[in-house]
Protein backbone atom coordinates (compact mmCIF):
# COMPACT_ATOMS: atom_id res chain seq x y z
CA MET A 1 -78.17 36.81 -60.62
CA ARG A 2 -74.73 36.28 -61.87
CA ASN A 3 -73.85 38.04 -65.13
CA LEU A 4 -72.95 35.49 -68.01
CA LEU A 5 -71.44 36.11 -70.99
CA VAL A 6 -72.85 34.25 -73.84
CA THR A 7 -70.55 34.37 -76.85
CA LEU A 8 -72.16 33.46 -80.43
CA LEU A 9 -69.95 32.92 -83.71
CA LEU A 10 -71.95 34.84 -86.71
CA ILE A 11 -70.36 34.50 -89.96
CA GLY A 12 -66.85 34.70 -88.56
CA ILE A 13 -67.32 37.68 -86.07
CA ILE A 14 -68.22 37.22 -82.23
CA VAL A 15 -71.81 38.51 -81.04
CA PHE A 16 -71.71 40.08 -77.48
CA PRO A 17 -75.40 40.22 -75.91
CA THR A 18 -75.89 42.68 -73.33
CA VAL A 19 -75.56 41.12 -69.74
CA GLY A 20 -76.28 42.15 -66.36
CA ASN A 21 -76.39 46.20 -65.59
CA ALA A 22 -73.44 46.58 -67.89
CA ASN A 23 -73.62 49.81 -70.31
CA THR A 24 -73.70 49.32 -74.28
CA TYR A 25 -72.41 52.19 -76.35
CA TYR A 26 -72.51 52.79 -80.10
CA ILE A 27 -70.27 54.72 -82.55
CA SER A 28 -71.01 55.59 -86.17
CA THR A 29 -69.56 57.67 -89.05
CA THR A 30 -72.75 59.35 -89.01
CA GLY A 31 -73.06 60.14 -85.24
CA SER A 32 -71.57 63.24 -83.08
CA ASP A 33 -69.35 62.93 -79.60
CA SER A 34 -71.80 64.94 -78.13
CA ASN A 35 -74.50 62.47 -78.44
CA PRO A 36 -75.29 59.98 -75.31
CA GLY A 37 -73.85 57.22 -77.48
CA THR A 38 -77.12 55.06 -77.58
CA ILE A 39 -77.87 52.83 -81.13
CA SER A 40 -80.02 55.96 -82.28
CA GLN A 41 -77.78 58.63 -81.27
CA PRO A 42 -74.31 57.06 -81.42
CA PHE A 43 -70.72 58.58 -81.12
CA ARG A 44 -68.63 60.03 -83.91
CA THR A 45 -65.08 58.93 -83.27
CA LEU A 46 -63.19 55.87 -81.87
CA GLN A 47 -61.17 58.50 -79.93
CA LYS A 48 -64.47 58.69 -77.76
CA ILE A 49 -63.71 55.44 -76.35
CA THR A 50 -60.87 56.70 -74.17
CA SER A 51 -63.31 58.97 -72.32
CA LEU A 52 -65.62 56.48 -71.31
CA SER A 53 -65.47 54.91 -67.87
CA LEU A 54 -65.61 51.03 -69.22
CA SER A 55 -66.40 48.63 -66.43
CA PRO A 56 -66.39 44.80 -66.62
CA GLY A 57 -69.30 43.76 -69.11
CA ASP A 58 -69.66 46.99 -70.88
CA ILE A 59 -69.70 46.47 -74.79
CA VAL A 60 -68.75 49.25 -77.41
CA TYR A 61 -70.59 48.41 -80.73
CA ILE A 62 -68.84 50.40 -83.56
CA ARG A 63 -71.05 50.47 -87.18
CA ALA A 64 -69.16 49.73 -90.11
CA GLY A 65 -67.44 52.46 -92.06
CA THR A 66 -63.88 54.29 -92.12
CA TYR A 67 -62.79 56.26 -89.06
CA MET A 68 -59.51 58.41 -89.47
CA SER A 69 -57.22 58.60 -86.74
CA GLY A 70 -58.27 62.16 -86.26
CA VAL A 71 -54.86 63.12 -84.58
CA SER A 72 -52.27 65.87 -85.68
CA SER A 73 -49.53 64.67 -83.15
CA GLY A 74 -48.87 61.92 -80.77
CA ALA A 75 -47.66 58.47 -80.78
CA THR A 76 -50.89 56.55 -81.10
CA ALA A 77 -54.60 57.01 -82.74
CA LEU A 78 -56.28 54.88 -80.18
CA ASN A 79 -54.78 54.56 -76.74
CA LEU A 80 -56.61 51.73 -75.06
CA ASN A 81 -55.16 52.11 -71.53
CA ASN A 82 -55.92 50.39 -67.95
CA LEU A 83 -59.28 48.78 -69.19
CA HIS A 84 -60.11 46.12 -66.71
CA GLY A 85 -62.64 43.45 -67.35
CA THR A 86 -63.47 39.98 -65.74
CA ALA A 87 -63.23 36.48 -66.83
CA GLY A 88 -66.62 36.30 -66.76
CA ASN A 89 -67.21 39.85 -67.73
CA PRO A 90 -64.62 41.09 -70.16
CA ILE A 91 -64.88 44.88 -71.57
CA VAL A 92 -65.93 44.48 -75.32
CA ILE A 93 -64.84 46.82 -78.28
CA SER A 94 -66.53 45.29 -81.27
CA ALA A 95 -67.81 45.81 -84.87
CA TYR A 96 -71.53 45.85 -84.96
CA PRO A 97 -72.26 42.32 -85.47
CA GLY A 98 -75.56 43.22 -87.75
CA ASP A 99 -73.36 45.06 -90.14
CA PHE A 100 -70.97 42.09 -90.78
CA PRO A 101 -72.94 39.73 -92.94
CA ASN A 102 -73.43 42.47 -95.48
CA GLY A 103 -70.00 43.28 -95.82
CA GLY A 104 -69.53 45.95 -93.60
CA ARG A 105 -66.14 46.39 -91.82
CA VAL A 106 -64.65 48.89 -89.37
CA VAL A 107 -61.58 50.55 -90.70
CA LEU A 108 -59.25 52.77 -88.73
CA ASP A 109 -57.40 54.63 -91.36
CA CYS A 110 -54.47 56.48 -89.92
CA GLY A 111 -53.18 58.17 -93.22
CA ASP A 112 -54.65 61.24 -92.57
CA PHE A 113 -51.49 62.95 -90.90
CA VAL A 114 -47.89 62.37 -91.36
CA HIS A 115 -46.19 61.26 -88.14
CA GLN A 116 -42.68 62.01 -87.70
CA THR A 117 -41.95 59.93 -84.49
CA ASN A 118 -42.94 56.41 -83.37
CA PHE A 119 -46.44 55.69 -84.06
CA TYR A 120 -49.12 52.92 -83.46
CA GLY A 121 -52.80 52.51 -84.55
CA ILE A 122 -54.30 50.75 -81.87
CA TYR A 123 -52.42 50.62 -78.46
CA LEU A 124 -53.59 47.98 -75.63
CA GLN A 125 -51.73 48.74 -72.29
CA ASN A 126 -52.04 47.55 -68.99
CA SER A 127 -55.30 46.26 -69.50
CA SER A 128 -56.85 42.50 -68.51
CA TYR A 129 -59.79 40.63 -69.99
CA VAL A 130 -60.51 43.05 -72.93
CA THR A 131 -61.89 41.71 -76.28
CA VAL A 132 -61.40 43.86 -79.44
CA SER A 133 -63.34 42.48 -82.30
CA GLY A 134 -63.65 43.05 -86.10
CA ILE A 135 -61.22 46.00 -86.74
CA ARG A 136 -58.88 46.85 -89.44
CA VAL A 137 -56.12 49.34 -88.59
CA THR A 138 -54.33 50.66 -91.78
CA ASN A 139 -51.93 53.06 -93.09
CA CYS A 140 -49.23 53.46 -90.46
CA PRO A 141 -46.10 53.48 -92.80
CA GLN A 142 -42.67 53.69 -91.47
CA GLN A 143 -41.54 57.38 -92.02
CA ILE A 144 -37.92 58.72 -91.97
CA GLY A 145 -36.95 59.56 -88.54
CA SER A 146 -33.70 60.99 -86.96
CA GLY A 147 -31.12 59.28 -88.96
CA THR A 148 -33.22 56.11 -89.48
CA GLY A 149 -36.87 55.20 -89.80
CA THR A 150 -39.78 55.44 -87.15
CA ILE A 151 -40.99 52.45 -85.56
CA THR A 152 -44.70 52.00 -86.47
CA GLY A 153 -47.38 49.34 -86.02
CA ALA A 154 -51.15 48.92 -86.69
CA TRP A 155 -51.33 46.89 -83.16
CA TRP A 156 -49.35 46.75 -80.06
CA VAL A 157 -50.48 44.89 -76.97
CA LEU A 158 -48.46 45.70 -74.12
CA SER A 159 -48.26 44.58 -70.63
CA SER A 160 -51.94 43.35 -70.81
CA SER A 161 -52.80 39.92 -69.86
CA ASN A 162 -55.89 37.54 -70.63
CA CYS A 163 -57.03 39.81 -73.75
CA ILE A 164 -58.49 38.87 -76.98
CA ILE A 165 -57.80 40.37 -80.31
CA ASP A 166 -60.42 38.83 -82.82
CA ASN A 167 -60.97 39.01 -86.36
CA CYS A 168 -58.85 41.77 -86.81
CA GLU A 169 -56.44 43.06 -89.51
CA GLY A 170 -53.06 45.08 -89.57
CA ASP A 171 -51.77 46.43 -92.77
CA HIS A 172 -49.75 48.72 -94.77
CA SER A 173 -47.56 49.63 -91.60
CA MET A 174 -43.96 48.50 -90.20
CA THR A 175 -45.47 45.84 -88.14
CA GLY A 176 -48.96 44.11 -88.03
CA PHE A 177 -49.51 43.01 -84.41
CA ARG A 178 -46.94 43.51 -81.91
CA THR A 179 -46.62 41.98 -78.38
CA ASP A 180 -44.48 42.54 -75.48
CA ASP A 181 -44.70 41.57 -71.82
CA GLY A 182 -47.90 40.59 -70.17
CA HIS A 183 -49.59 36.59 -70.47
CA ASP A 184 -52.39 34.70 -72.02
CA ASN A 185 -53.30 36.96 -74.94
CA THR A 186 -54.64 35.41 -77.93
CA PHE A 187 -55.26 36.55 -81.46
CA ASN A 188 -57.84 34.62 -83.29
CA ASN A 189 -58.81 34.72 -86.89
CA CYS A 190 -56.35 37.92 -87.34
CA ASP A 191 -54.85 38.79 -90.63
CA ALA A 192 -51.38 40.83 -91.25
CA HIS A 193 -50.13 41.54 -94.63
CA HIS A 194 -48.47 44.59 -96.72
CA ILE A 195 -45.92 45.09 -94.10
CA ASP A 196 -42.42 47.07 -94.95
CA ASP A 197 -39.71 49.32 -93.16
CA PRO A 198 -38.03 50.84 -96.05
CA TYR A 199 -36.08 53.26 -93.72
CA THR A 200 -34.67 50.92 -90.85
CA GLY A 201 -30.87 51.53 -90.66
CA PRO A 202 -27.87 49.63 -89.53
CA PRO A 203 -27.26 46.82 -88.24
CA THR A 204 -30.31 45.14 -89.95
CA GLY A 205 -31.06 47.58 -92.55
CA PRO A 206 -33.86 48.40 -94.58
CA HIS A 207 -36.73 45.60 -94.71
CA ASN A 208 -35.47 43.66 -92.13
CA ASN A 209 -37.81 44.62 -89.07
CA SER A 210 -41.26 44.48 -90.87
CA ASP A 211 -43.07 41.56 -89.26
CA GLY A 212 -46.63 40.57 -89.51
CA PHE A 213 -46.83 39.19 -85.81
CA GLN A 214 -43.90 40.32 -83.86
CA ARG A 215 -42.98 38.84 -80.05
CA THR A 216 -39.13 39.63 -79.97
CA SER A 217 -36.13 40.36 -77.79
CA SER A 218 -34.93 38.43 -74.58
CA LEU A 219 -36.30 41.16 -72.70
CA ASN A 220 -39.81 40.42 -73.67
CA THR A 221 -41.55 38.59 -70.65
CA ALA A 222 -44.58 37.79 -72.35
CA THR A 223 -45.91 34.22 -72.29
CA GLY A 224 -48.89 32.17 -72.91
CA THR A 225 -49.33 33.90 -76.21
CA VAL A 226 -51.93 32.03 -78.76
CA TYR A 227 -52.21 32.44 -82.37
CA ARG A 228 -55.08 30.70 -83.70
CA GLY A 229 -56.24 30.75 -87.17
CA CYS A 230 -54.11 33.78 -87.99
CA ARG A 231 -52.67 34.78 -91.42
CA SER A 232 -49.67 36.47 -92.32
CA TRP A 233 -48.43 37.30 -95.96
CA TRP A 234 -46.56 40.11 -98.13
CA CYS A 235 -44.60 41.09 -95.07
CA SER A 236 -40.94 42.03 -96.20
CA ASP A 237 -39.57 40.38 -93.18
CA ASP A 238 -41.28 37.30 -91.86
CA GLY A 239 -44.76 36.36 -90.92
CA TRP A 240 -44.48 35.65 -87.59
CA ASP A 241 -40.91 37.00 -85.82
CA CYS A 242 -40.48 35.45 -82.06
CA PHE A 243 -36.70 35.23 -82.16
CA GLY A 244 -35.03 35.48 -78.77
CA SER A 245 -38.36 35.74 -76.51
CA LYS A 246 -38.73 33.48 -73.72
CA GLY A 247 -42.29 32.27 -72.38
CA THR A 248 -44.68 29.91 -74.63
CA ILE A 249 -46.27 30.22 -77.87
CA THR A 250 -49.02 28.36 -79.38
CA TYR A 251 -49.62 28.55 -83.32
CA ASP A 252 -52.85 26.61 -84.08
CA ASN A 253 -54.04 26.61 -87.81
CA CYS A 254 -51.87 29.73 -88.99
CA TRP A 255 -50.96 30.46 -92.42
CA ALA A 256 -47.58 32.03 -93.63
CA PHE A 257 -47.07 32.74 -97.32
CA TRP A 258 -45.35 35.45 -99.71
CA ASN A 259 -43.26 36.66 -96.77
CA GLY A 260 -39.71 38.22 -97.84
CA TYR A 261 -40.92 40.12 -100.76
CA GLY A 262 -41.78 43.72 -101.14
CA PRO A 263 -45.64 44.04 -100.45
CA GLY A 264 -47.72 43.32 -103.67
CA THR A 265 -44.67 42.04 -105.49
CA PHE A 266 -42.46 39.25 -105.68
CA ASN A 267 -38.95 41.04 -105.50
CA PRO A 268 -36.74 39.70 -102.86
CA SER A 269 -36.72 42.17 -99.59
CA GLY A 270 -36.28 40.74 -96.06
CA ASP A 271 -35.52 37.61 -94.44
CA GLY A 272 -38.55 35.95 -95.39
CA ASN A 273 -39.13 33.44 -92.82
CA GLY A 274 -42.86 32.21 -92.21
CA ILE A 275 -42.69 31.31 -88.41
CA LYS A 276 -39.05 32.50 -87.17
CA MET A 277 -38.25 30.88 -83.64
CA GLY A 278 -34.83 30.93 -81.96
CA VAL A 279 -32.65 32.11 -79.27
CA THR A 280 -29.25 34.00 -78.82
CA GLY A 281 -27.75 32.45 -75.91
CA ILE A 282 -30.91 32.42 -73.42
CA ASP A 283 -32.60 29.50 -71.76
CA VAL A 284 -35.85 29.15 -73.46
CA THR A 285 -37.04 26.33 -70.57
CA SER A 286 -36.55 28.87 -67.70
């Protein structure tokens, strides 16, 4: 019997029933990474996901709670690399739906160590047909690097295709959601807020590279990017910055407000564009 993925909408979060012979794993703040990952004996850390051999249709459910980055060095707290689902059976990494109606939230808090190099909270790279749902990534602030500020972000989707970031949040970082290369990636109902880069040097200077949703540069080959029902506020620079990049972008029912101010204030800061589009000498029709 062909596997089918039935997607139900429950109080703003997607429910993914188990399908076919796929595996379902569970993670909880009360678990242990030496457990088998069942609902009664869940894993403990989000980093355990990287050791699982996830196949099309597999689901990782994360129980509500705050998970620390758990790292003392490195460039990312959770590196989701080379994961490949299919159109009919994506790989799903999601907040546990049963916790959400009661106010539960999955939080990846990266504030447990001070990074001195570029750093991202969740890094989804070289992957296809992966859905990540219901996760907030916070506390990835820019640090003072070698002569200028480091580059940080809550989320970075790189060289991936047909992936969905659903009902997720990125805040208190230099960038909320960054997208480079790949194609047909969708951001549904995502929030980026309290974004700042106080230590960036010339030529842009402080507060001018801190975007809620970033997809810039003529070298960026991303196309088919969709932002649906997303919101961006209190970003020191722009709510959306897609300046200079080729490819198609769809904005559907998105909000941008209170950008260009220091996070949590109304003190003028960076550019303050809501949705920035434009080019610098490139052919956007090609």
